[in-house]
Protein backbone atom coordinates (compact mmCIF):
# COMPACT_ATOMS: atom_id res chain seq x y z
CA MET A 1 79.99 99.69 125.21
CA ASP A 2 83.34 97.87 125.03
CA HIS A 3 83.80 97.54 121.29
CA PRO A 4 86.79 98.16 118.96
CA PHE A 5 84.83 100.75 116.97
CA ILE A 6 83.97 102.68 120.13
CA THR A 7 87.56 102.44 121.30
CA ARG A 8 88.76 103.78 117.95
CA LEU A 9 86.34 106.71 118.16
CA GLY A 10 87.99 107.69 121.40
CA GLN A 11 91.36 108.04 119.64
CA GLY A 12 90.27 110.78 117.22
CA PRO A 13 88.13 111.34 114.13
CA ILE A 14 87.57 108.29 111.96
CA LEU A 15 87.00 108.60 108.22
CA CYS A 16 84.05 106.90 106.57
CA ASP A 17 83.65 106.28 102.85
CA GLY A 18 81.45 108.20 100.43
CA ALA A 19 78.65 107.51 98.00
CA MET A 20 77.97 104.16 96.40
CA GLY A 21 75.03 105.05 94.19
CA THR A 22 76.77 108.02 92.56
CA ILE A 23 79.63 105.83 91.39
CA LEU A 24 77.30 103.08 90.21
CA LEU A 25 75.42 105.59 88.08
CA SER A 26 78.71 106.93 86.67
CA ARG A 27 79.62 103.39 85.64
CA GLY A 28 76.49 102.80 83.65
CA VAL A 29 74.11 101.21 86.17
CA PRO A 30 70.56 102.39 85.29
CA LEU A 31 68.77 104.59 87.79
CA ALA A 32 65.84 102.15 87.75
CA GLN A 33 68.11 99.27 88.83
CA ALA A 34 67.92 98.09 92.44
CA PHE A 35 71.49 98.95 93.43
CA ASP A 36 71.36 96.48 96.33
CA GLU A 37 70.74 93.59 93.92
CA LEU A 38 74.23 94.15 92.49
CA ASN A 39 75.56 92.42 95.61
CA LEU A 40 74.34 89.25 93.90
CA THR A 41 74.56 90.06 90.20
CA ASP A 42 77.80 92.09 89.99
CA PRO A 43 79.83 91.49 93.16
CA ARG A 44 83.11 92.46 91.45
CA LEU A 45 81.79 95.94 90.76
CA ILE A 46 80.65 96.47 94.35
CA GLY A 47 83.79 94.96 95.87
CA GLY A 48 85.94 97.08 93.59
CA ILE A 49 84.27 100.30 94.78
CA HIS A 50 84.80 99.28 98.40
CA ARG A 51 88.49 98.73 97.69
CA GLU A 52 88.78 102.13 96.03
CA TYR A 53 87.47 103.80 99.17
CA ILE A 54 89.84 101.80 101.35
CA ALA A 55 92.76 102.73 99.11
CA ALA A 56 91.68 106.37 99.36
CA GLY A 57 91.93 106.28 103.15
CA ALA A 58 88.50 105.25 104.42
CA GLU A 59 88.60 103.52 107.79
CA VAL A 60 84.89 102.64 107.67
CA VAL A 61 83.17 101.23 104.59
CA GLU A 62 79.42 100.94 104.34
CA THR A 63 77.75 97.95 102.76
CA ASN A 64 75.75 98.35 99.55
CA THR A 65 72.49 97.73 101.40
CA PHE A 66 71.00 101.21 101.83
CA GLY A 67 67.69 100.16 100.25
CA ALA A 68 67.84 96.45 101.02
CA ASN A 69 64.62 96.28 103.03
CA ARG A 70 61.45 94.45 102.08
CA VAL A 71 59.50 97.61 101.24
CA ARG A 72 62.06 99.10 98.85
CA LEU A 73 62.92 95.77 97.22
CA ALA A 74 59.30 94.79 96.55
CA PRO A 75 58.85 96.88 93.35
CA HIS A 76 61.82 94.99 91.88
CA GLY A 77 60.43 91.59 92.84
CA LEU A 78 63.22 91.12 95.40
CA ASP A 79 61.29 91.30 98.67
CA GLY A 80 61.90 87.59 99.23
CA ARG A 81 65.69 88.03 99.05
CA VAL A 82 66.26 90.50 101.90
CA ARG A 83 68.47 88.16 103.92
CA GLU A 84 70.52 87.09 100.89
CA ILE A 85 71.18 90.62 99.63
CA ASN A 86 72.18 91.96 103.03
CA LEU A 87 74.33 88.96 103.91
CA HIS A 88 76.23 89.23 100.63
CA GLY A 89 76.55 92.99 101.04
CA VAL A 90 78.49 92.50 104.26
CA LYS A 91 80.52 89.68 102.75
CA LEU A 92 81.64 91.89 99.84
CA ALA A 93 82.76 94.64 102.18
CA ARG A 94 84.59 92.18 104.41
CA ASP A 95 86.26 90.57 101.40
CA ALA A 96 87.37 94.01 100.21
CA ARG A 97 88.89 94.62 103.62
CA GLU A 98 90.74 91.32 103.52
CA VAL A 99 92.03 91.95 100.01
CA ALA A 100 93.19 95.45 100.91
CA GLY A 101 94.87 94.22 104.08
CA GLU A 102 93.88 97.36 105.98
CA ASN A 103 92.41 97.76 109.47
CA VAL A 104 88.94 98.82 108.33
CA PHE A 105 85.53 98.67 109.99
CA VAL A 106 82.58 97.29 108.01
CA ALA A 107 79.32 99.14 108.63
CA GLY A 108 76.01 97.55 107.70
CA ALA A 109 74.03 100.34 105.99
CA ILE A 110 70.30 100.71 106.63
CA GLY A 111 68.25 103.41 104.94
CA PRO A 112 64.63 104.46 105.39
CA LEU A 113 61.68 102.71 103.76
CA GLY A 114 61.39 105.31 101.03
CA GLN A 115 57.83 106.21 102.01
CA SER A 116 56.32 109.46 103.24
CA PRO A 117 56.02 109.89 107.03
CA SER A 118 52.26 109.43 106.79
CA ALA A 119 52.62 106.22 104.77
CA VAL A 120 55.10 104.84 107.31
CA ARG A 121 52.68 105.61 110.13
CA GLU A 122 49.87 103.84 108.27
CA MET A 123 52.04 100.70 108.12
CA GLY A 124 51.98 100.53 111.90
CA ALA A 125 54.91 100.59 114.32
CA ASP A 126 55.11 96.81 114.72
CA ARG A 127 55.34 96.17 110.98
CA VAL A 128 57.95 98.91 110.50
CA ARG A 129 60.07 97.46 113.32
CA GLU A 130 59.79 94.02 111.75
CA VAL A 131 60.94 95.29 108.33
CA PHE A 132 64.05 96.84 109.87
CA ARG A 133 64.60 93.83 112.12
CA GLU A 134 64.59 91.56 109.07
CA GLN A 135 67.20 93.67 107.30
CA ALA A 136 69.38 94.01 110.39
CA GLU A 137 69.25 90.26 110.91
CA GLY A 138 70.61 89.65 107.40
CA LEU A 139 73.37 92.18 107.96
CA VAL A 140 74.35 90.81 111.35
CA GLU A 141 74.57 87.30 109.95
CA GLY A 142 77.25 88.60 107.58
CA GLY A 143 79.40 89.86 110.44
CA PRO A 144 79.65 93.68 110.29
CA ASP A 145 81.43 95.72 112.95
CA LEU A 146 78.63 98.27 113.36
CA LEU A 147 75.38 99.46 111.80
CA ILE A 148 74.81 102.86 110.20
CA LEU A 149 71.18 103.97 109.97
CA GLU A 150 71.30 106.93 107.61
CA THR A 151 69.39 109.49 105.55
CA PHE A 152 66.26 109.29 107.68
CA GLY A 153 63.96 112.28 107.20
CA ASP A 154 61.67 111.46 110.12
CA VAL A 155 62.94 110.79 113.63
CA GLU A 156 59.95 108.57 114.38
CA GLU A 157 60.91 106.18 111.58
CA LEU A 158 64.54 106.28 112.72
CA ALA A 159 63.52 105.37 116.25
CA LEU A 160 61.57 102.35 114.99
CA ALA A 161 64.56 101.33 112.86
CA VAL A 162 66.83 101.46 115.91
CA GLU A 163 64.37 99.36 117.89
CA GLY A 164 64.13 96.82 115.07
CA ALA A 165 67.91 96.52 114.84
CA ARG A 166 68.31 96.29 118.61
CA ALA A 167 66.03 93.25 118.58
CA VAL A 168 68.79 91.24 116.89
CA THR A 169 72.14 92.86 117.82
CA ASP A 170 74.11 94.83 120.38
CA LEU A 171 76.57 96.17 117.77
CA PRO A 172 77.32 99.91 117.86
CA ILE A 173 74.70 101.94 116.01
CA VAL A 174 75.31 105.20 114.18
CA ALA A 175 72.02 107.05 113.67
CA GLN A 176 71.91 109.85 111.09
CA LEU A 177 69.13 112.15 109.91
CA THR A 178 68.90 114.50 106.97
CA PHE A 179 68.39 118.18 107.74
CA ASP A 180 67.23 121.08 105.59
CA GLU A 181 67.66 124.53 107.14
CA GLY A 182 67.84 123.14 110.65
CA ARG A 183 64.92 120.72 110.43
CA THR A 184 64.45 117.16 109.28
CA LEU A 185 62.42 116.53 106.14
CA ALA A 186 59.48 115.81 108.47
CA GLY A 187 59.95 119.23 110.09
CA GLN A 188 61.56 118.19 113.38
CA THR A 189 64.20 120.38 115.05
CA VAL A 190 67.46 119.07 116.47
CA ALA A 191 66.00 119.47 119.96
CA ALA A 192 62.95 117.37 119.01
CA VAL A 193 65.20 114.73 117.48
CA LEU A 194 67.16 114.45 120.70
CA ASP A 195 63.98 114.16 122.78
CA SER A 196 62.87 111.21 120.62
CA LEU A 197 66.19 109.35 120.57
CA ARG A 198 67.70 109.85 124.02
CA GLY A 199 66.17 106.72 125.51
CA LEU A 200 67.48 104.45 122.75
CA SER A 201 70.78 102.59 122.57
CA ILE A 202 72.58 104.75 120.02
CA GLN A 203 76.35 105.15 120.15
CA VAL A 204 76.86 107.87 117.52
CA LEU A 205 74.39 110.51 116.39
CA GLY A 206 74.62 112.88 113.46
CA ALA A 207 73.58 114.18 110.07
CA ASN A 208 74.12 113.00 106.51
CA CYS A 209 73.01 113.70 102.96
CA GLY A 210 71.14 117.04 102.91
CA LEU A 211 72.21 120.21 101.17
CA GLY A 212 75.96 119.94 101.62
CA PRO A 213 78.81 120.42 104.11
CA GLN A 214 77.80 123.91 105.28
CA ALA A 215 74.23 122.99 106.26
CA THR A 216 75.43 119.74 107.82
CA LEU A 217 77.97 121.63 109.95
CA GLU A 218 75.22 123.92 111.24
CA ALA A 219 73.13 120.93 112.34
CA ILE A 220 76.17 119.28 113.91
CA GLU A 221 77.04 122.39 115.91
CA GLU A 222 73.53 122.41 117.34
CA PHE A 223 73.83 118.69 118.22
CA ALA A 224 77.14 119.41 119.98
CA HIS A 225 75.56 122.24 121.96
CA LEU A 226 72.43 120.33 123.03
CA ALA A 227 73.87 116.80 123.43
CA PRO A 228 77.59 116.94 124.30
CA GLU A 229 77.40 113.35 125.59
CA TYR A 230 77.03 111.91 122.05
CA PRO A 231 79.91 111.22 119.69
CA LEU A 232 78.83 112.92 116.46
CA SER A 233 78.91 112.00 112.77
CA ALA A 234 78.76 114.08 109.60
CA GLN A 235 78.43 112.71 106.06
CA PRO A 236 77.09 115.47 103.79
CA ASN A 237 76.22 115.45 100.11
CA ALA A 238 78.61 117.11 97.67
CA GLY A 239 76.18 120.02 97.38
CA LEU A 240 72.99 120.05 95.35
CA PRO A 241 72.99 117.97 92.15
CA ALA A 242 72.46 119.39 88.69
CA ARG A 243 71.08 117.18 85.92
CA VAL A 244 73.30 117.46 82.84
CA GLU A 245 72.70 115.27 79.78
CA GLY A 246 70.88 112.69 81.84
CA ARG A 247 73.49 112.57 84.63
CA PHE A 248 73.47 114.09 88.10
CA LEU A 249 76.56 116.20 88.75
CA TYR A 250 77.57 117.58 92.14
CA GLY A 251 79.47 120.83 92.57
CA ALA A 252 81.39 120.37 95.84
CA GLY A 253 84.80 119.01 94.95
CA PRO A 254 87.46 117.14 96.92
CA ASP A 255 89.32 120.28 98.02
CA TYR A 256 86.14 121.78 99.43
CA PHE A 257 85.46 118.59 101.36
CA ALA A 258 89.02 118.57 102.67
CA THR A 259 88.43 121.99 104.21
CA TYR A 260 85.18 120.88 105.78
CA ALA A 261 86.72 117.69 107.13
CA GLN A 262 89.00 119.89 109.21
CA ARG A 263 86.04 122.04 110.29
CA PHE A 264 84.05 118.96 111.29
CA ALA A 265 86.99 117.66 113.31
CA ALA A 266 87.37 121.03 115.02
CA ALA A 267 83.66 120.92 115.91
CA GLY A 268 84.18 117.59 117.67
CA VAL A 269 82.81 115.28 114.98
CA ARG A 270 84.15 111.74 115.39
CA LEU A 271 82.83 110.01 112.25
CA ILE A 272 83.46 112.03 109.09
CA GLY A 273 82.53 110.99 105.56
CA GLY A 274 80.46 111.81 102.52
CA CYS A 275 77.13 110.99 100.95
CA CYS A 276 75.63 111.58 97.48
CA GLY A 277 78.10 112.92 94.95
CA THR A 278 81.22 112.10 96.94
CA THR A 279 83.83 109.75 95.53
CA PRO A 280 87.12 108.13 96.52
CA ALA A 281 88.78 111.38 95.44
CA HIS A 282 86.78 113.24 98.12
CA THR A 283 87.71 110.59 100.67
CA HIS A 284 91.39 110.84 99.78
CA ALA A 285 91.32 114.63 100.09
CA MET A 286 89.66 114.43 103.52
CA HIS A 287 92.14 111.79 104.64
CA GLN A 288 95.08 113.97 103.65
CA ALA A 289 93.55 117.01 105.32
CA LEU A 290 92.91 115.19 108.59
CA ARG A 291 96.42 113.73 108.58
CA ALA A 292 97.90 117.18 107.96
CA THR A 293 96.24 118.51 111.10
CA GLY A 294 97.09 115.42 113.15
CA SER A 295 93.41 114.67 113.62
CA VAL A 296 93.62 111.06 112.47
CA ALA A 297 95.29 108.54 114.76
CA GLU A 298 98.48 107.45 113.00
CA GLN A 299 98.28 103.82 114.02
CA ALA A 300 94.78 103.56 112.67
CA ALA A 301 95.29 105.34 109.38
CA PRO A 302 98.67 104.62 107.77
CA PRO A 303 99.60 106.19 104.43
CA ARG A 304 97.76 104.67 101.52
CA PRO A 305 98.09 104.93 97.73
CA ARG A 306 96.15 107.71 96.09
CA ALA A 307 92.72 106.69 94.86
CA VAL A 308 91.97 106.39 91.17
CA GLU A 309 89.57 108.66 89.35
CA VAL A 310 85.91 107.75 89.67
CA ALA A 311 85.59 106.95 85.98
CA ALA A 312 88.38 104.36 86.13
CA PRO A 313 87.53 100.63 86.23
CA ALA A 314 86.79 99.31 89.70
CA GLU A 315 89.66 96.84 89.55
CA ALA A 316 92.36 99.51 89.15
CA GLU A 317 92.01 101.28 92.47
CA ALA A 318 95.73 101.76 93.12
CA LYS A 319 98.92 102.00 91.17
CA ALA A 320 101.38 99.13 90.93
CA PRO A 321 104.63 99.39 92.91
CA GLU A 322 107.71 100.93 91.39
CA PRO A 323 109.65 98.60 89.08
CA THR A 324 112.22 96.41 90.80
CA PHE A 325 115.84 97.53 90.89
CA LEU A 326 116.67 94.85 88.32
CA ALA A 327 113.92 96.07 86.00
CA GLN A 328 115.15 99.64 86.36
CA GLN A 329 118.74 98.62 85.60
CA LEU A 330 117.71 96.77 82.47
CA ALA A 331 115.47 99.63 81.36
CA ALA A 332 118.39 102.03 81.79
CA GLY A 333 120.55 99.88 79.50
CA ARG A 334 122.92 98.61 82.17
CA TRP A 335 124.56 95.26 81.33
CA VAL A 336 123.56 93.30 84.41
CA ILE A 337 125.16 90.36 86.17
CA SER A 338 123.28 87.91 88.34
CA VAL A 339 124.85 84.98 90.19
CA GLU A 340 123.15 81.79 91.28
CA ILE A 341 123.36 80.75 94.93
CA ASP A 342 121.88 77.37 95.81
CA PRO A 343 119.80 77.01 98.98
CA PRO A 344 121.38 74.61 101.48
CA ARG A 345 120.41 70.95 101.64
CA GLY A 346 120.10 71.24 105.39
CA LEU A 347 119.07 73.73 108.04
CA ASN A 348 121.98 76.17 108.00
CA PRO A 349 121.88 79.02 105.46
CA ALA A 350 125.15 80.59 106.66
CA LYS A 351 127.25 79.64 103.62
CA ALA A 352 124.70 80.95 101.15
CA LEU A 353 124.35 84.20 103.07
CA ARG A 354 128.13 84.67 103.27
CA GLY A 355 128.46 83.96 99.56
CA ALA A 356 125.77 86.50 98.68
CA ALA A 357 127.36 89.14 100.91
CA MET A 358 130.81 88.58 99.38
CA LEU A 359 129.52 88.72 95.82
CA TYR A 360 127.45 91.82 96.41
CA GLU A 361 130.12 93.74 98.31
CA GLU A 362 133.23 92.61 96.46
CA GLY A 363 132.11 91.09 93.17
CA GLY A 364 130.19 94.00 91.73
CA ILE A 365 127.12 91.96 90.82
CA ASP A 366 123.60 93.31 90.40
CA ALA A 367 121.47 90.45 91.70
CA VAL A 368 121.44 86.96 93.16
CA ASN A 369 119.51 84.05 91.67
CA ILE A 370 118.04 81.44 93.98
CA PRO A 371 116.93 78.18 92.29
CA ASP A 372 113.89 76.20 93.41
CA SER A 373 115.15 72.72 94.35
CA PRO A 374 117.04 72.16 91.06
CA MET A 375 117.38 68.59 89.84
CA ALA A 376 114.31 67.80 91.98
CA ARG A 377 116.46 67.43 95.09
CA VAL A 378 115.35 68.51 98.53
CA ARG A 379 116.76 71.87 99.55
CA MET A 380 115.73 74.75 101.76
CA SER A 381 112.87 76.72 100.25
CA ALA A 382 114.11 79.26 97.72
CA LEU A 383 111.61 81.77 99.05
CA ALA A 384 112.76 81.26 102.64
CA LEU A 385 116.38 81.91 101.65
CA ALA A 386 115.28 84.93 99.63
CA TYR A 387 113.52 86.39 102.68
CA LEU A 388 116.64 85.86 104.79
CA MET A 389 118.80 87.59 102.20
CA ARG A 390 116.40 90.50 101.89
CA GLN A 391 116.26 90.88 105.65
CA ARG A 392 119.97 90.60 106.37
CA LEU A 393 121.63 91.88 103.19
CA ASP A 394 119.01 93.99 101.38
CA ILE A 395 120.18 92.46 98.12
CA GLU A 396 118.35 92.28 94.78
CA ILE A 397 117.03 88.77 94.25
CA ILE A 398 115.64 86.70 91.39
CA VAL A 399 113.75 83.72 92.76
CA HIS A 400 113.14 80.69 90.56
CA MET A 401 109.65 79.30 91.03
CA THR A 402 108.60 75.99 89.55
CA SER A 403 105.07 74.75 88.98
CA ARG A 404 106.26 71.24 89.84
CA ASP A 405 105.74 71.24 93.60
CA ARG A 406 102.70 73.44 94.23
CA ASN A 407 99.15 73.45 93.05
CA LEU A 408 97.73 76.63 91.58
CA MET A 409 96.39 77.82 94.92
CA ALA A 410 99.72 77.34 96.71
CA LEU A 411 101.66 78.99 93.88
CA GLN A 412 99.57 82.13 94.18
CA SER A 413 99.72 82.14 97.98
CA ASP A 414 103.51 81.92 97.86
CA LEU A 415 103.67 84.67 95.27
CA LEU A 416 101.55 87.00 97.39
CA GLY A 417 103.81 86.31 100.35
CA ALA A 418 106.93 86.89 98.25
CA HIS A 419 105.58 90.24 97.10
CA ALA A 420 104.89 91.29 100.69
CA HIS A 421 108.54 90.49 101.52
CA GLY A 422 109.80 92.58 98.60
CA VAL A 423 110.80 89.56 96.48
CA ARG A 424 109.41 90.55 93.08
CA ASN A 425 111.81 89.26 90.43
CA ILE A 426 110.40 85.81 89.61
CA LEU A 427 111.77 83.34 87.06
CA ALA A 428 108.85 81.12 86.04
CA LEU A 429 109.87 77.50 85.42
CA THR A 430 108.16 74.16 84.94
CA GLY A 431 110.81 72.34 87.00
CA ASP A 432 112.75 69.12 86.67
CA PRO A 433 110.55 66.00 87.07
CA PRO A 434 110.80 64.30 90.49
CA ARG A 435 112.01 61.05 88.94
CA VAL A 436 115.44 62.62 88.26
CA GLY A 437 115.89 63.55 91.92
CA THR A 438 116.50 61.81 95.21
CA LEU A 439 112.79 61.13 95.82
CA PRO A 440 111.64 59.52 92.55
CA HIS A 441 108.39 58.27 94.13
CA VAL A 442 107.20 61.85 94.77
CA SER A 443 104.51 63.14 92.43
CA GLY A 444 104.75 66.40 90.54
CA VAL A 445 101.77 68.75 90.54
CA TRP A 446 101.97 70.90 87.40
CA ASP A 447 98.55 72.54 87.51
CA VAL A 448 100.24 74.94 85.10
CA ASP A 449 103.46 74.84 83.11
CA SER A 450 105.99 77.67 82.92
CA THR A 451 103.89 79.59 80.40
CA GLY A 452 100.86 79.21 82.66
CA LEU A 453 102.90 80.47 85.60
CA VAL A 454 103.90 83.53 83.57
CA GLU A 455 100.20 84.12 82.92
CA VAL A 456 99.44 83.83 86.65
CA LEU A 457 102.12 86.42 87.44
CA ALA A 458 100.82 88.72 84.72
CA ARG A 459 97.30 88.49 86.12
CA LEU A 460 98.58 89.33 89.59
CA ASN A 461 100.23 92.37 88.00
CA ARG A 462 96.79 93.32 86.73
CA GLY A 463 95.40 93.08 90.26
CA GLU A 464 93.62 89.73 90.08
CA ASP A 465 94.27 86.07 90.78
CA SER A 466 93.98 83.26 88.26
CA GLY A 467 90.25 82.99 88.91
CA GLY A 468 89.66 86.69 88.28
CA ALA A 469 89.23 87.65 91.96
CA ALA A 470 90.79 90.97 92.90
CA ILE A 471 93.88 91.05 95.13
CA GLY A 472 93.47 94.66 96.20
CA ARG A 473 95.94 96.40 93.93
CA PRO A 474 98.14 95.49 90.98
CA ALA A 475 101.24 93.53 91.95
CA GLY A 476 104.67 94.60 90.75
CA PHE A 477 106.33 91.35 89.74
CA HIS A 478 109.21 91.45 87.26
CA ILE A 479 108.49 88.28 85.31
CA GLY A 480 111.27 86.13 83.90
CA CYS A 481 111.11 83.08 81.66
CA ALA A 482 113.64 80.49 80.54
CA VAL A 483 114.86 79.42 77.14
CA ASN A 484 117.11 76.52 76.13
CA PRO A 485 119.15 77.23 72.96
CA THR A 486 120.67 73.73 73.19
CA ASP A 487 117.29 72.15 72.43
CA GLY A 488 117.62 70.39 69.10
CA ASP A 489 114.34 71.79 67.79
CA TRP A 490 114.93 75.53 67.54
CA ALA A 491 111.60 76.21 65.85
CA ARG A 492 109.75 74.65 68.78
CA GLU A 493 111.91 76.45 71.37
CA CYS A 494 111.46 79.80 69.63
CA GLU A 495 107.69 79.29 69.55
CA ARG A 496 107.65 78.44 73.27
CA LEU A 497 109.55 81.62 74.03
CA ARG A 498 107.18 83.71 71.93
CA ARG A 499 104.22 82.27 73.86
CA LYS A 500 105.86 83.16 77.16
CA ILE A 501 106.51 86.71 76.00
CA ALA A 502 102.90 87.00 74.82
CA ALA A 503 101.76 85.72 78.23
CA GLY A 504 103.61 88.55 79.97
CA ALA A 505 107.29 87.61 80.41
CA GLN A 506 109.51 90.67 80.87
CA PHE A 507 113.01 89.19 80.74
CA ILE A 508 114.68 85.97 79.55
CA MET A 509 117.32 83.74 81.14
CA SER A 510 118.93 80.81 79.38
CA GLN A 511 120.37 77.46 80.34
CA PRO A 512 124.20 77.37 80.71
CA LEU A 513 125.79 77.82 77.27
CA TYR A 514 129.31 77.20 75.95
CA ASP A 515 129.28 77.50 72.16
CA ALA A 516 129.28 81.16 71.10
CA ASP A 517 128.81 80.36 67.41
CA GLU A 518 125.78 78.21 68.08
CA PHE A 519 124.31 80.89 70.36
CA GLU A 520 124.76 83.52 67.65
CA ARG A 521 122.86 81.29 65.21
CA PHE A 522 120.11 80.75 67.77
CA MET A 523 119.74 84.50 68.32
CA ASP A 524 119.53 84.99 64.56
CA ALA A 525 116.75 82.39 64.47
CA LEU A 526 114.90 84.22 67.25
CA GLY A 527 115.11 87.58 65.56
CA PRO A 528 114.66 90.88 67.44
CA LEU A 529 113.44 90.41 71.00
CA PRO A 530 111.11 92.85 72.78
CA ILE A 531 112.51 92.02 76.24
CA PRO A 532 116.03 91.73 77.74
CA PHE A 533 118.02 88.49 77.54
CA LEU A 534 120.45 87.30 80.25
CA VAL A 535 122.64 84.52 78.91
CA GLY A 536 123.48 81.65 81.25
CA VAL A 537 127.10 80.66 81.92
CA MET A 538 128.40 77.92 84.23
CA PRO A 539 132.22 78.03 84.43
CA LEU A 540 133.68 74.54 84.24
CA ASN A 541 135.99 73.26 86.99
CA SER A 542 137.48 70.13 85.43
CA TYR A 543 137.12 67.58 82.67
CA ARG A 544 135.08 65.33 84.97
CA HIS A 545 132.80 68.26 85.73
CA ALA A 546 132.29 68.87 82.00
CA GLU A 547 131.53 65.21 81.33
CA TYR A 548 129.06 65.05 84.19
CA LEU A 549 127.16 68.15 83.06
CA HIS A 550 127.04 67.03 79.44
CA ASN A 551 125.93 63.46 80.11
CA GLU A 552 123.92 63.58 83.32
CA VAL A 553 122.28 66.99 83.72
CA PRO A 554 119.15 67.59 81.62
CA GLY A 555 119.21 70.75 79.51
CA ILE A 556 123.01 71.21 79.43
CA THR A 557 124.99 70.44 76.30
CA ILE A 558 128.76 70.98 76.16
CA PRO A 559 130.39 70.74 72.70
CA ARG A 560 133.07 68.07 72.17
CA GLU A 561 135.81 70.65 71.57
CA ILE A 562 135.06 72.32 74.92
CA ARG A 563 135.28 69.00 76.74
CA GLU A 564 138.54 68.21 74.97
CA ARG A 565 140.02 71.54 76.03
CA MET A 566 139.11 70.71 79.63
CA ALA A 567 140.73 67.29 79.30
CA LYS A 568 143.96 68.87 78.03
CA ALA A 569 143.92 71.45 80.86
CA GLY A 570 144.39 68.70 83.47
CA GLU A 571 144.96 70.25 86.91
CA GLY A 572 144.51 73.70 85.42
CA GLY A 573 140.88 72.94 84.65
CA GLN A 574 139.41 75.70 86.79
CA ALA A 575 141.56 78.39 85.19
CA GLU A 576 140.69 77.03 81.74
CA GLY A 577 136.99 77.04 82.63
CA ILE A 578 137.21 80.69 83.73
CA ALA A 579 139.04 81.60 80.52
CA MET A 580 136.43 79.90 78.35
CA ALA A 581 133.58 81.59 80.25
CA ARG A 582 135.23 84.99 79.77
CA ASP A 583 135.80 84.32 76.10
CA PHE A 584 132.20 83.21 75.58
CA LEU A 585 130.80 86.32 77.28
CA ALA A 586 133.15 88.63 75.39
CA ARG A 587 131.88 87.22 72.09
CA VAL A 588 128.15 87.33 72.87
CA ALA A 589 127.93 90.43 75.08
CA HIS A 590 126.67 92.57 72.21
CA ARG A 591 123.69 90.23 71.66
CA VAL A 592 122.39 90.22 75.25
CA GLN A 593 121.65 92.57 78.12
CA GLY A 594 123.46 90.65 80.83
CA THR A 595 124.52 87.29 82.14
CA TYR A 596 123.39 84.73 84.66
CA LEU A 597 126.44 83.04 86.21
CA MET A 598 126.20 79.66 87.92
CA PRO A 599 129.38 78.90 89.90
CA SER A 600 129.54 75.19 90.74
CA PHE A 601 130.25 73.75 94.19
CA GLY A 602 129.73 77.13 95.86
CA ARG A 603 133.00 78.52 94.45
CA TYR A 604 131.80 82.11 94.36
CA GLU A 605 135.33 83.48 94.04
CA VAL A 606 135.29 82.24 90.45
CA VAL A 607 132.67 84.88 89.63
CA ARG A 608 135.07 87.77 90.26
CA GLU A 609 137.50 86.36 87.74
CA VAL A 610 134.84 85.74 85.11
CA ILE A 611 133.29 89.21 85.20
CA ARG A 612 136.54 91.20 85.10
CA GLY A 613 136.43 93.30 81.94
CA LEU A 614 132.75 92.69 81.18
CA PRO A 615 130.66 95.71 80.12
CA GLY A 616 130.61 98.29 82.90
CA ARG A 617 132.90 96.24 85.15
């Protein structure tokens, strides 16, 4: 069979996930509950468990459909929902794979009918085949990569299940029986099992559940001796369960399973996993053990974050990334300097890239700020320029993101892409209205304002999007927000800032400021801040520049005495602007944790003059 799963089996052992039911019980699902129904009633719980296994290193995840056949669902009044439950089971596993972004196979799980061998025989072969065909049809409609028929205690029932599945699909089939002291629960030997199954289209044959790894290995070794033509699978229980205070506890821990994963691989087993009592911690231990021996194909099983403990919430399956360099610098108490570099208005980013390189190598700055089409004028995407800088310069970047130009879906898509590119310092802004720009007829979007965008970023940092859907693991955004001390209503501006901080903002950046006395009063009005503050400074170049900023640029206010000083400076306006910027920063440095410099007209050389003598420079 030419199939990706079969091809992958030929490259070395492949790791399957572990138990679903054990974890559901540990998270409060009643034993009397139909676990398969949770595909419909609690999809977040099921999807979260799938993602935990993927994060732990599983390359195959089984759907939560072990008992999703008409016979087992009937006592719960669900026998009319076989197709729906199985279809959604596959969808949840596929969604978990997409969220995790890993190359994982989805296996449609099919278990036995839960009846004694004699009761199954009384049902008649045709009816039994039809029950399994119905379940397989629902699974196949969902789009799995293979089917796993598991925990069968009678080879005759397993054979009928294979025939029922084969009536609707040619997907690879893994067929597994449960053995106790060398025999199935119906008393059949490995040799008898092989005699019954050899004529069927089965791609992988093996044992699962049972007494534990040791007994499973014994059965597998006999399979290998009698049927060397079959790829083999082994997914044992974590030993025998003990009932303690109403809970079933299993004794075989992750380290024990890690040892047996290596033994299974040495015995030629191709599909290795766990059954009842195993958890993502067992999967992670087996993954590490197989990697240590070189048993797992590297291209198919890259390093993954360590799985969380079983008792942890399903949505927290992996740790967030390390804090950004900027966040670490601020946390360490370093007085940081960031410089704004505008994206070009055309196609060529060369000037911006050269400016960033010069500032980083010669200016002693800590980060570069990239605005998002300021003044509502068309420029190259801030994110695109950020990616170029990261790729070519490996520089720390703060990207401004406005809610003006993107709807909520596009904002989150761009943020996910930014995170994948390593751009994680985000300044959340509402954005200048389009009417002030060069395309006044363009409509703004504003599904959320800046506070709403901070909330979106904070939710991504919790591992979910704005609708509550998981994104696979917590993001690691360093969330910035803006404040405008020149707003005439300080009470309103202070309240806005407090809301942003409550929403999840982690650092503050201000509009360009010029009046140190007024800024001191504003900081007194704010009171103690729980997050760092980077004060904005735009060095003036001339009197005309000062007049333009004061009168024509929203959000910038330049006091009369500052404008008069620039008028008196005449041709020495640039030097005077640098001197005033230095004086301002010298006076307010003790109140803030850094500065955000905005050199006008791309005159980045001005920055070196401004920051001479600043804290740590």
